[in-house]
Amino acid sequence: MAHNIYNLIILDRSGSMTSIRNEAVNGVNETLGTIRSFARRNPLSRQFVTLLAFCSCEMQYIYNCAEASTTRNIRPDDFRPCCCTPLYDAIGLSCKEISRALKSDPDAKVSVTIITDGYENDSKEWNGPTIKKLIESLKTEGWLFAYIGADHDVEKAAMTISIENTLTFDKTPQGTARMFEQERACRESWMAEASCDCAPGCCNENYFNRGNRQ
């Protein structure tokens, strides 16, 4: 049985991301290409993309539940880092949006990838306990959450909101490129398993070990 697969990417657009702006744009484009390629090779499993770039002044949906085949590569103008990091608001807003969209698609599989280079520092609507409760609820429905970070204690920040899958990267051009390469390999493996007719949650363990499989 084929499944609809929803790929939610939550991308920090705070000012500190300026130093890796070009690498972030290139990495996201390669990830979009991976999703599009998988969709072409596996037409029975439809791929959808939500890409949210966030900072204090704007929650920018570059894509919102768009079918993968309709997406294009983003441009540097689509990603202009500035101001602070309302991470919890970004997670809450985008997860709730997809959750509403899935009310008519209960068998869909969802992957949520958070990419940030710092701690939450400016949310107004959500806080740590409410985001943790939301994530724990969605995990019981089979959602996968992965937290990718730099320049802070990534494992501690992720565990605070009940995310076990973590990846720490060096915030250099080379480190950012390596991170996106590993993320794409893991996503490719996860999408292949998520396309199967399996129980909720069975594809969600040890996400960042998947890219090392042969």
C-alpha atoms as a PDB file:
ATOM      1  CA  MET A   1       0.000   0.000   0.000  1.00  0.00           C
ATOM      2  CA  ALA A   2       1.433   3.379  -0.992  1.00  0.00           C
ATOM      3  CA  HIS A   3       1.487   6.317   1.372  1.00  0.00           C
ATOM      4  CA  ASN A   4       1.539  10.063   1.018  1.00  0.00           C
ATOM      5  CA  ILE A   5       4.764  11.335   2.559  1.00  0.00           C
ATOM      6  CA  TYR A   6       5.027  14.836   3.996  1.00  0.00           C
ATOM      7  CA  ASN A   7       8.479  16.408   4.363  1.00  0.00           C
ATOM      8  CA  LEU A   8       8.481  19.376   6.754  1.00  0.00           C
ATOM      9  CA  ILE A   9      11.748  21.343   6.869  1.00  0.00           C
ATOM     10  CA  ILE A  10      11.972  24.092   9.507  1.00  0.00           C
ATOM     11  CA  LEU A  11      14.944  26.308   8.651  1.00  0.00           C
ATOM     12  CA  ASP A  12      16.389  28.895  11.032  1.00  0.00           C
ATOM     13  CA  ARG A  13      16.703  32.260   9.298  1.00  0.00           C
ATOM     14  CA  SER A  14      18.076  34.207  12.263  1.00  0.00           C
ATOM     15  CA  GLY A  15      20.953  36.623  11.769  1.00  0.00           C
ATOM     16  CA  SER A  16      23.616  34.181  12.936  1.00  0.00           C
ATOM     17  CA  MET A  17      22.909  32.000   9.875  1.00  0.00           C
ATOM     18  CA  THR A  18      24.393  34.694   7.621  1.00  0.00           C
ATOM     19  CA  SER A  19      27.834  33.065   7.578  1.00  0.00           C
ATOM     20  CA  ILE A  20      26.442  29.899   5.966  1.00  0.00           C
ATOM     21  CA  ARG A  21      23.664  31.484   3.914  1.00  0.00           C
ATOM     22  CA  ASN A  22      24.886  30.205   0.548  1.00  0.00           C
ATOM     23  CA  GLU A  23      25.594  26.723   1.908  1.00  0.00           C
ATOM     24  CA  ALA A  24      22.138  26.578   3.504  1.00  0.00           C
ATOM     25  CA  VAL A  25      20.484  27.535   0.206  1.00  0.00           C
ATOM     26  CA  ASN A  26      22.541  24.965  -1.712  1.00  0.00           C
ATOM     27  CA  GLY A  27      21.857  22.260   0.871  1.00  0.00           C
ATOM     28  CA  VAL A  28      18.115  22.865   0.867  1.00  0.00           C
ATOM     29  CA  ASN A  29      18.088  22.763  -2.919  1.00  0.00           C
ATOM     30  CA  GLU A  30      19.893  19.430  -2.935  1.00  0.00           C
ATOM     31  CA  THR A  31      17.401  18.102  -0.374  1.00  0.00           C
ATOM     32  CA  LEU A  32      14.512  19.260  -2.563  1.00  0.00           C
ATOM     33  CA  GLY A  33      16.182  17.508  -5.482  1.00  0.00           C
ATOM     34  CA  THR A  34      16.436  14.289  -3.450  1.00  0.00           C
ATOM     35  CA  ILE A  35      12.720  14.430  -2.656  1.00  0.00           C
ATOM     36  CA  ARG A  36      11.772  15.161  -6.265  1.00  0.00           C
ATOM     37  CA  SER A  37      13.995  12.340  -7.529  1.00  0.00           C
ATOM     38  CA  PHE A  38      12.464   9.862  -5.091  1.00  0.00           C
ATOM     39  CA  ALA A  39       8.972  10.943  -6.145  1.00  0.00           C
ATOM     40  CA  ARG A  40       9.801  10.329  -9.808  1.00  0.00           C
ATOM     41  CA  ARG A  41      11.200   6.873  -9.057  1.00  0.00           C
ATOM     42  CA  ASN A  42       8.318   5.928  -6.743  1.00  0.00           C
ATOM     43  CA  PRO A  43       5.157   7.379  -8.298  1.00  0.00           C
ATOM     44  CA  LEU A  44       2.802   5.431  -6.023  1.00  0.00           C
ATOM     45  CA  SER A  45       4.098   7.305  -2.956  1.00  0.00           C
ATOM     46  CA  ARG A  46       3.297  10.984  -3.386  1.00  0.00           C
ATOM     47  CA  GLN A  47       5.789  13.381  -1.813  1.00  0.00           C
ATOM     48  CA  PHE A  48       4.772  16.734  -0.339  1.00  0.00           C
ATOM     49  CA  VAL A  49       7.064  19.508   0.869  1.00  0.00           C
ATOM     50  CA  THR A  50       6.616  22.201   3.470  1.00  0.00           C
ATOM     51  CA  LEU A  51       9.593  24.537   3.837  1.00  0.00           C
ATOM     52  CA  LEU A  52       9.354  27.160   6.571  1.00  0.00           C
ATOM     53  CA  ALA A  53      12.149  29.727   6.974  1.00  0.00           C
ATOM     54  CA  PHE A  54      11.731  31.598  10.230  1.00  0.00           C
ATOM     55  CA  CYS A  55      13.053  34.556  12.167  1.00  0.00           C
ATOM     56  CA  SER A  56      11.462  37.099  14.506  1.00  0.00           C
ATOM     57  CA  CYS A  57      10.112  39.301  11.744  1.00  0.00           C
ATOM     58  CA  GLU A  58       8.553  36.610   9.549  1.00  0.00           C
ATOM     59  CA  MET A  59       7.425  32.992   9.361  1.00  0.00           C
ATOM     60  CA  GLN A  60       7.938  32.486   5.636  1.00  0.00           C
ATOM     61  CA  TYR A  61       6.353  29.457   3.994  1.00  0.00           C
ATOM     62  CA  ILE A  62       8.470  28.982   0.889  1.00  0.00           C
ATOM     63  CA  TYR A  63       6.378  25.847   0.267  1.00  0.00           C
ATOM     64  CA  ASN A  64       3.296  24.706   2.150  1.00  0.00           C
ATOM     65  CA  CYS A  65       2.205  21.108   1.498  1.00  0.00           C
ATOM     66  CA  ALA A  66       3.324  21.464  -2.116  1.00  0.00           C
ATOM     67  CA  GLU A  67       3.590  18.345  -4.241  1.00  0.00           C
ATOM     68  CA  ALA A  68       7.295  17.684  -4.790  1.00  0.00           C
ATOM     69  CA  SER A  69       7.046  17.841  -8.571  1.00  0.00           C
ATOM     70  CA  THR A  70       5.840  21.453  -8.361  1.00  0.00           C
ATOM     71  CA  THR A  71       8.758  22.711  -6.281  1.00  0.00           C
ATOM     72  CA  ARG A  72      11.718  24.602  -7.674  1.00  0.00           C
ATOM     73  CA  ASN A  73      15.105  25.358  -6.207  1.00  0.00           C
ATOM     74  CA  ILE A  74      15.099  28.316  -3.860  1.00  0.00           C
ATOM     75  CA  ARG A  75      17.170  31.444  -4.511  1.00  0.00           C
ATOM     76  CA  PRO A  76      19.345  33.443  -2.109  1.00  0.00           C
ATOM     77  CA  ASP A  77      16.580  36.062  -2.092  1.00  0.00           C
ATOM     78  CA  ASP A  78      14.284  33.440  -0.538  1.00  0.00           C
ATOM     79  CA  PHE A  79      16.591  33.145   2.474  1.00  0.00           C
ATOM     80  CA  ARG A  80      17.734  36.431   4.025  1.00  0.00           C
ATOM     81  CA  PRO A  81      18.940  35.857   7.614  1.00  0.00           C
ATOM     82  CA  CYS A  82      18.077  38.484  10.196  1.00  0.00           C
ATOM     83  CA  CYS A  83      17.070  39.039  13.847  1.00  0.00           C
ATOM     84  CA  CYS A  84      16.231  36.351  16.439  1.00  0.00           C
ATOM     85  CA  THR A  85      15.172  32.691  16.791  1.00  0.00           C
ATOM     86  CA  PRO A  86      11.484  32.004  17.625  1.00  0.00           C
ATOM     87  CA  LEU A  87      12.072  28.265  17.226  1.00  0.00           C
ATOM     88  CA  TYR A  88       9.121  27.043  19.283  1.00  0.00           C
ATOM     89  CA  ASP A  89       6.668  29.251  17.395  1.00  0.00           C
ATOM     90  CA  ALA A  90       8.044  27.911  14.094  1.00  0.00           C
ATOM     91  CA  ILE A  91       7.643  24.293  15.209  1.00  0.00           C
ATOM     92  CA  GLY A  92       4.174  24.840  16.632  1.00  0.00           C
ATOM     93  CA  LEU A  93       2.853  26.793  13.654  1.00  0.00           C
ATOM     94  CA  SER A  94       4.106  24.403  10.977  1.00  0.00           C
ATOM     95  CA  CYS A  95       3.257  21.162  12.785  1.00  0.00           C
ATOM     96  CA  LYS A  96      -0.263  22.351  13.506  1.00  0.00           C
ATOM     97  CA  GLU A  97      -0.671  23.383   9.863  1.00  0.00           C
ATOM     98  CA  ILE A  98       0.313  19.929   8.597  1.00  0.00           C
ATOM     99  CA  SER A  99      -1.738  18.196  11.270  1.00  0.00           C
ATOM    100  CA  ARG A 100      -4.834  20.002   9.997  1.00  0.00           C
ATOM    101  CA  ALA A 101      -3.997  19.040   6.426  1.00  0.00           C
ATOM    102  CA  LEU A 102      -3.715  15.373   7.414  1.00  0.00           C
ATOM    103  CA  LYS A 103      -7.175  15.055   8.948  1.00  0.00           C
ATOM    104  CA  SER A 104      -8.340  13.595   5.641  1.00  0.00           C
ATOM    105  CA  ASP A 105      -5.150  11.540   5.171  1.00  0.00           C
ATOM    106  CA  PRO A 106      -4.660   9.455   8.339  1.00  0.00           C
ATOM    107  CA  ASP A 107      -2.244   6.984   6.713  1.00  0.00           C
ATOM    108  CA  ALA A 108       0.267   9.664   5.682  1.00  0.00           C
ATOM    109  CA  LYS A 109       3.868   9.531   6.923  1.00  0.00           C
ATOM    110  CA  VAL A 110       5.497  12.733   8.220  1.00  0.00           C
ATOM    111  CA  SER A 111       9.149  13.709   8.640  1.00  0.00           C
ATOM    112  CA  VAL A 112       9.977  16.933  10.514  1.00  0.00           C
ATOM    113  CA  THR A 113      13.544  18.234  10.156  1.00  0.00           C
ATOM    114  CA  ILE A 114      14.623  21.222  12.250  1.00  0.00           C
ATOM    115  CA  ILE A 115      17.830  23.040  11.243  1.00  0.00           C
ATOM    116  CA  THR A 116      19.091  25.755  13.610  1.00  0.00           C
ATOM    117  CA  ASP A 117      22.346  27.263  14.812  1.00  0.00           C
ATOM    118  CA  GLY A 118      21.172  28.382  18.236  1.00  0.00           C
ATOM    119  CA  TYR A 119      18.731  28.192  21.084  1.00  0.00           C
ATOM    120  CA  GLU A 120      15.123  29.332  21.065  1.00  0.00           C
ATOM    121  CA  ASN A 121      15.048  32.977  22.157  1.00  0.00           C
ATOM    122  CA  ASP A 122      11.992  34.840  20.862  1.00  0.00           C
ATOM    123  CA  SER A 123       8.779  32.771  20.724  1.00  0.00           C
ATOM    124  CA  LYS A 124       5.536  34.437  21.733  1.00  0.00           C
ATOM    125  CA  GLU A 125       2.869  31.733  21.289  1.00  0.00           C
ATOM    126  CA  TRP A 126       4.664  28.519  22.292  1.00  0.00           C
ATOM    127  CA  ASN A 127       7.098  27.527  25.028  1.00  0.00           C
ATOM    128  CA  GLY A 128       9.200  24.482  25.825  1.00  0.00           C
ATOM    129  CA  PRO A 129       6.556  22.477  27.739  1.00  0.00           C
ATOM    130  CA  THR A 130       3.798  23.098  25.161  1.00  0.00           C
ATOM    131  CA  ILE A 131       6.070  22.196  22.227  1.00  0.00           C
ATOM    132  CA  LYS A 132       7.252  19.072  24.044  1.00  0.00           C
ATOM    133  CA  LYS A 133       3.639  18.013  24.605  1.00  0.00           C
ATOM    134  CA  LEU A 134       2.799  18.634  20.937  1.00  0.00           C
ATOM    135  CA  ILE A 135       5.797  16.645  19.689  1.00  0.00           C
ATOM    136  CA  GLU A 136       5.100  13.736  22.024  1.00  0.00           C
ATOM    137  CA  SER A 137       1.514  13.625  20.795  1.00  0.00           C
ATOM    138  CA  LEU A 138       2.535  13.659  17.135  1.00  0.00           C
ATOM    139  CA  LYS A 139       5.165  10.965  17.709  1.00  0.00           C
ATOM    140  CA  THR A 140       2.400   8.627  18.878  1.00  0.00           C
ATOM    141  CA  GLU A 141       0.876   9.129  15.406  1.00  0.00           C
ATOM    142  CA  GLY A 142       4.131   7.999  13.756  1.00  0.00           C
ATOM    143  CA  TRP A 143       5.679  11.401  13.009  1.00  0.00           C
ATOM    144  CA  LEU A 144       9.485  11.464  12.798  1.00  0.00           C
ATOM    145  CA  PHE A 145      11.338  14.408  14.336  1.00  0.00           C
ATOM    146  CA  ALA A 146      15.002  15.188  13.698  1.00  0.00           C
ATOM    147  CA  TYR A 147      16.948  18.110  15.186  1.00  0.00           C
ATOM    148  CA  ILE A 148      20.070  19.347  13.363  1.00  0.00           C
ATOM    149  CA  GLY A 149      22.080  22.063  15.070  1.00  0.00           C
ATOM    150  CA  ALA A 150      25.307  24.020  15.446  1.00  0.00           C
ATOM    151  CA  ASP A 151      26.857  26.364  18.020  1.00  0.00           C
ATOM    152  CA  HIS A 152      24.855  25.056  20.985  1.00  0.00           C
ATOM    153  CA  ASP A 153      24.251  21.891  23.013  1.00  0.00           C
ATOM    154  CA  VAL A 154      22.195  20.166  20.341  1.00  0.00           C
ATOM    155  CA  GLU A 155      21.337  16.986  22.253  1.00  0.00           C
ATOM    156  CA  LYS A 156      20.228  18.911  25.339  1.00  0.00           C
ATOM    157  CA  ALA A 157      18.111  21.348  23.313  1.00  0.00           C
ATOM    158  CA  ALA A 158      16.472  18.503  21.397  1.00  0.00           C
ATOM    159  CA  MET A 159      15.787  16.332  24.440  1.00  0.00           C
ATOM    160  CA  THR A 160      14.145  19.306  26.158  1.00  0.00           C
ATOM    161  CA  ILE A 161      11.390  19.045  23.547  1.00  0.00           C
ATOM    162  CA  SER A 162      11.414  15.227  23.352  1.00  0.00           C
ATOM    163  CA  ILE A 163      13.442  14.777  20.144  1.00  0.00           C
ATOM    164  CA  GLU A 164      15.923  11.888  20.213  1.00  0.00           C
ATOM    165  CA  ASN A 165      17.214  12.060  16.633  1.00  0.00           C
ATOM    166  CA  THR A 166      19.973  14.677  16.595  1.00  0.00           C
ATOM    167  CA  LEU A 167      22.889  15.712  14.410  1.00  0.00           C
ATOM    168  CA  THR A 168      25.508  18.318  15.294  1.00  0.00           C
ATOM    169  CA  PHE A 169      27.429  20.083  12.533  1.00  0.00           C
ATOM    170  CA  ASP A 170      30.326  22.514  12.284  1.00  0.00           C
ATOM    171  CA  LYS A 171      29.046  25.886  11.133  1.00  0.00           C
ATOM    172  CA  THR A 172      31.570  26.251   8.347  1.00  0.00           C
ATOM    173  CA  PRO A 173      30.960  25.936   4.606  1.00  0.00           C
ATOM    174  CA  GLN A 174      32.527  22.480   4.642  1.00  0.00           C
ATOM    175  CA  GLY A 175      30.716  21.365   7.805  1.00  0.00           C
ATOM    176  CA  THR A 176      27.366  22.589   6.498  1.00  0.00           C
ATOM    177  CA  ALA A 177      27.859  20.763   3.197  1.00  0.00           C
ATOM    178  CA  ARG A 178      28.730  17.529   5.051  1.00  0.00           C
ATOM    179  CA  MET A 179      25.653  17.899   7.243  1.00  0.00           C
ATOM    180  CA  PHE A 180      23.302  18.256   4.292  1.00  0.00           C
ATOM    181  CA  GLU A 181      24.947  15.294   2.574  1.00  0.00           C
ATOM    182  CA  GLN A 182      24.287  13.100   5.608  1.00  0.00           C
ATOM    183  CA  GLU A 183      20.757  14.445   5.979  1.00  0.00           C
ATOM    184  CA  ARG A 184      19.939  13.590   2.362  1.00  0.00           C
ATOM    185  CA  ALA A 185      21.252  10.049   2.692  1.00  0.00           C
ATOM    186  CA  CYS A 186      19.188   9.514   5.835  1.00  0.00           C
ATOM    187  CA  ARG A 187      16.086  11.020   4.223  1.00  0.00           C
ATOM    188  CA  GLU A 188      16.448   8.786   1.150  1.00  0.00           C
ATOM    189  CA  SER A 189      16.599   5.697   3.368  1.00  0.00           C
ATOM    190  CA  TRP A 190      13.683   6.855   5.513  1.00  0.00           C
ATOM    191  CA  MET A 191      11.497   7.641   2.487  1.00  0.00           C
ATOM    192  CA  ALA A 192      12.111   4.164   1.107  1.00  0.00           C
ATOM    193  CA  GLU A 193      10.974   2.557   4.347  1.00  0.00           C
ATOM    194  CA  ALA A 194       8.114   5.022   4.847  1.00  0.00           C
ATOM    195  CA  SER A 195       6.761   4.002   1.435  1.00  0.00           C
ATOM    196  CA  CYS A 196       6.139   0.494   2.705  1.00  0.00           C
ATOM    197  CA  ASP A 197       2.987  -0.715   4.455  1.00  0.00           C
ATOM    198  CA  CYS A 198       4.331  -0.675   7.992  1.00  0.00           C
ATOM    199  CA  ALA A 199       3.070   0.218  11.427  1.00  0.00           C
ATOM    200  CA  PRO A 200       3.248   3.838  12.653  1.00  0.00           C
ATOM    201  CA  GLY A 201       6.664   4.610  14.095  1.00  0.00           C
ATOM    202  CA  CYS A 202       8.491   1.596  12.680  1.00  0.00           C
ATOM    203  CA  CYS A 203      10.616   3.755  10.343  1.00  0.00           C
ATOM    204  CA  ASN A 204      11.510   6.358  12.955  1.00  0.00           C
ATOM    205  CA  GLU A 205      14.306   4.795  14.991  1.00  0.00           C
ATOM    206  CA  ASN A 206      17.987   5.791  14.719  1.00  0.00           C
ATOM    207  CA  TYR A 207      17.306   8.194  11.864  1.00  0.00           C
ATOM    208  CA  PHE A 208      20.852   9.502  11.571  1.00  0.00           C
ATOM    209  CA  ASN A 209      22.318   5.994  11.323  1.00  0.00           C
ATOM    210  CA  ARG A 210      20.378   5.374   8.112  1.00  0.00           C
ATOM    211  CA  GLY A 211      22.755   7.295   5.876  1.00  0.00           C
ATOM    212  CA  ASN A 212      25.546   4.861   6.725  1.00  0.00           C
ATOM    213  CA  ARG A 213      23.664   1.790   5.451  1.00  0.00           C
ATOM    214  CA  GLN A 214      24.985   0.042   2.371  1.00  0.00           C
END
